[in-house]
Amino acid sequence: MPAARLMLIAARLKLMTARLKLMTARLKLMTARLKLMTALPAGLREQLTRTLGALARVYRRAARPHGPGRGR
């Protein structure tokens, strides 16, 4: 098998491993959040959900490119 083909296979494997790690981290985060939410009383749970949602919106807005020529 040519070396270039082996390198391509290795790169794909690395990408798949990275994706799997990211998915695992997301799953762990969701599990932790679910455990936290179920442990809280209803009123506090709703307040925390609103706060986290607002915080997520702020971070998403900040992550977008700003200024002239944005999005490149």
C-alpha atoms as a PDB file:
ATOM      1  CA  MET A   1       0.000   0.000   0.000  1.00  0.00           C
ATOM      2  CA  PRO A   2       1.470   3.422  -0.922  1.00  0.00           C
ATOM      3  CA  ALA A   3       2.615   5.654   1.941  1.00  0.00           C
ATOM      4  CA  ALA A   4       0.250   8.475   0.923  1.00  0.00           C
ATOM      5  CA  ARG A   5      -2.732   6.159   1.258  1.00  0.00           C
ATOM      6  CA  LEU A   6      -1.598   5.062   4.720  1.00  0.00           C
ATOM      7  CA  MET A   7      -1.185   8.701   5.757  1.00  0.00           C
ATOM      8  CA  LEU A   8      -4.710   9.464   4.538  1.00  0.00           C
ATOM      9  CA  ILE A   9      -6.113   6.538   6.533  1.00  0.00           C
ATOM     10  CA  ALA A  10      -4.200   7.691   9.626  1.00  0.00           C
ATOM     11  CA  ALA A  11      -5.529  11.252   9.228  1.00  0.00           C
ATOM     12  CA  ARG A  12      -9.106   9.969   8.922  1.00  0.00           C
ATOM     13  CA  LEU A  13      -8.645   7.836  12.011  1.00  0.00           C
ATOM     14  CA  LYS A  14      -7.335  10.835  13.962  1.00  0.00           C
ATOM     15  CA  LEU A  15     -10.325  12.912  12.855  1.00  0.00           C
ATOM     16  CA  MET A  16     -12.757  10.189  13.861  1.00  0.00           C
ATOM     17  CA  THR A  17     -11.037   9.857  17.249  1.00  0.00           C
ATOM     18  CA  ALA A  18     -11.247  13.613  17.816  1.00  0.00           C
ATOM     19  CA  ARG A  19     -14.957  13.594  16.910  1.00  0.00           C
ATOM     20  CA  LEU A  20     -15.579  10.711  19.290  1.00  0.00           C
ATOM     21  CA  LYS A  21     -13.777  12.538  22.112  1.00  0.00           C
ATOM     22  CA  LEU A  22     -15.856  15.666  21.461  1.00  0.00           C
ATOM     23  CA  MET A  23     -19.088  13.662  21.464  1.00  0.00           C
ATOM     24  CA  THR A  24     -18.073  11.954  24.711  1.00  0.00           C
ATOM     25  CA  ALA A  25     -17.310  15.299  26.336  1.00  0.00           C
ATOM     26  CA  ARG A  26     -20.691  16.670  25.214  1.00  0.00           C
ATOM     27  CA  LEU A  27     -22.452  13.608  26.592  1.00  0.00           C
ATOM     28  CA  LYS A  28     -20.664  13.971  29.947  1.00  0.00           C
ATOM     29  CA  LEU A  29     -21.636  17.643  30.096  1.00  0.00           C
ATOM     30  CA  MET A  30     -25.272  16.861  29.307  1.00  0.00           C
ATOM     31  CA  THR A  31     -25.320  14.108  31.942  1.00  0.00           C
ATOM     32  CA  ALA A  32     -23.842  16.413  34.577  1.00  0.00           C
ATOM     33  CA  ARG A  33     -26.341  19.127  33.699  1.00  0.00           C
ATOM     34  CA  LEU A  34     -29.224  16.675  33.893  1.00  0.00           C
ATOM     35  CA  LYS A  35     -28.072  15.421  37.317  1.00  0.00           C
ATOM     36  CA  LEU A  36     -27.778  18.999  38.551  1.00  0.00           C
ATOM     37  CA  MET A  37     -31.200  19.967  37.241  1.00  0.00           C
ATOM     38  CA  THR A  38     -32.966  16.976  38.758  1.00  0.00           C
ATOM     39  CA  ALA A  39     -31.372  17.668  42.150  1.00  0.00           C
ATOM     40  CA  LEU A  40     -32.674  21.250  42.286  1.00  0.00           C
ATOM     41  CA  PRO A  41     -36.118  22.436  43.356  1.00  0.00           C
ATOM     42  CA  ALA A  42     -38.376  23.567  40.481  1.00  0.00           C
ATOM     43  CA  GLY A  43     -38.142  27.357  41.004  1.00  0.00           C
ATOM     44  CA  LEU A  44     -34.364  27.345  41.223  1.00  0.00           C
ATOM     45  CA  ARG A  45     -34.167  24.992  38.235  1.00  0.00           C
ATOM     46  CA  GLU A  46     -36.155  27.409  36.046  1.00  0.00           C
ATOM     47  CA  GLN A  47     -34.048  30.366  37.157  1.00  0.00           C
ATOM     48  CA  LEU A  48     -30.822  28.486  36.425  1.00  0.00           C
ATOM     49  CA  THR A  49     -32.123  27.418  33.001  1.00  0.00           C
ATOM     50  CA  ARG A  50     -32.906  31.033  32.089  1.00  0.00           C
ATOM     51  CA  THR A  51     -29.509  32.231  33.337  1.00  0.00           C
ATOM     52  CA  LEU A  52     -27.619  29.523  31.429  1.00  0.00           C
ATOM     53  CA  GLY A  53     -29.616  30.274  28.283  1.00  0.00           C
ATOM     54  CA  ALA A  54     -28.841  33.987  28.511  1.00  0.00           C
ATOM     55  CA  LEU A  55     -25.161  33.240  29.125  1.00  0.00           C
ATOM     56  CA  ALA A  56     -25.046  30.899  26.120  1.00  0.00           C
ATOM     57  CA  ARG A  57     -26.581  33.622  23.913  1.00  0.00           C
ATOM     58  CA  VAL A  58     -23.957  36.140  25.063  1.00  0.00           C
ATOM     59  CA  TYR A  59     -21.123  33.715  24.281  1.00  0.00           C
ATOM     60  CA  ARG A  60     -22.583  32.846  20.866  1.00  0.00           C
ATOM     61  CA  ARG A  61     -22.929  36.531  20.030  1.00  0.00           C
ATOM     62  CA  ALA A  62     -19.343  37.216  21.152  1.00  0.00           C
ATOM     63  CA  ALA A  63     -18.035  34.273  19.111  1.00  0.00           C
ATOM     64  CA  ARG A  64     -19.359  35.693  15.844  1.00  0.00           C
ATOM     65  CA  PRO A  65     -16.871  37.668  13.750  1.00  0.00           C
ATOM     66  CA  HIS A  66     -17.192  41.445  14.016  1.00  0.00           C
ATOM     67  CA  GLY A  67     -16.133  44.368  11.847  1.00  0.00           C
ATOM     68  CA  PRO A  68     -15.594  44.768   8.104  1.00  0.00           C
ATOM     69  CA  GLY A  69     -15.215  41.603   6.059  1.00  0.00           C
ATOM     70  CA  ARG A  70     -16.673  39.438   8.797  1.00  0.00           C
ATOM     71  CA  GLY A  71     -17.224  35.768   8.223  1.00  0.00           C
ATOM     72  CA  ARG A  72     -14.089  35.160   6.180  1.00  0.00           C
END
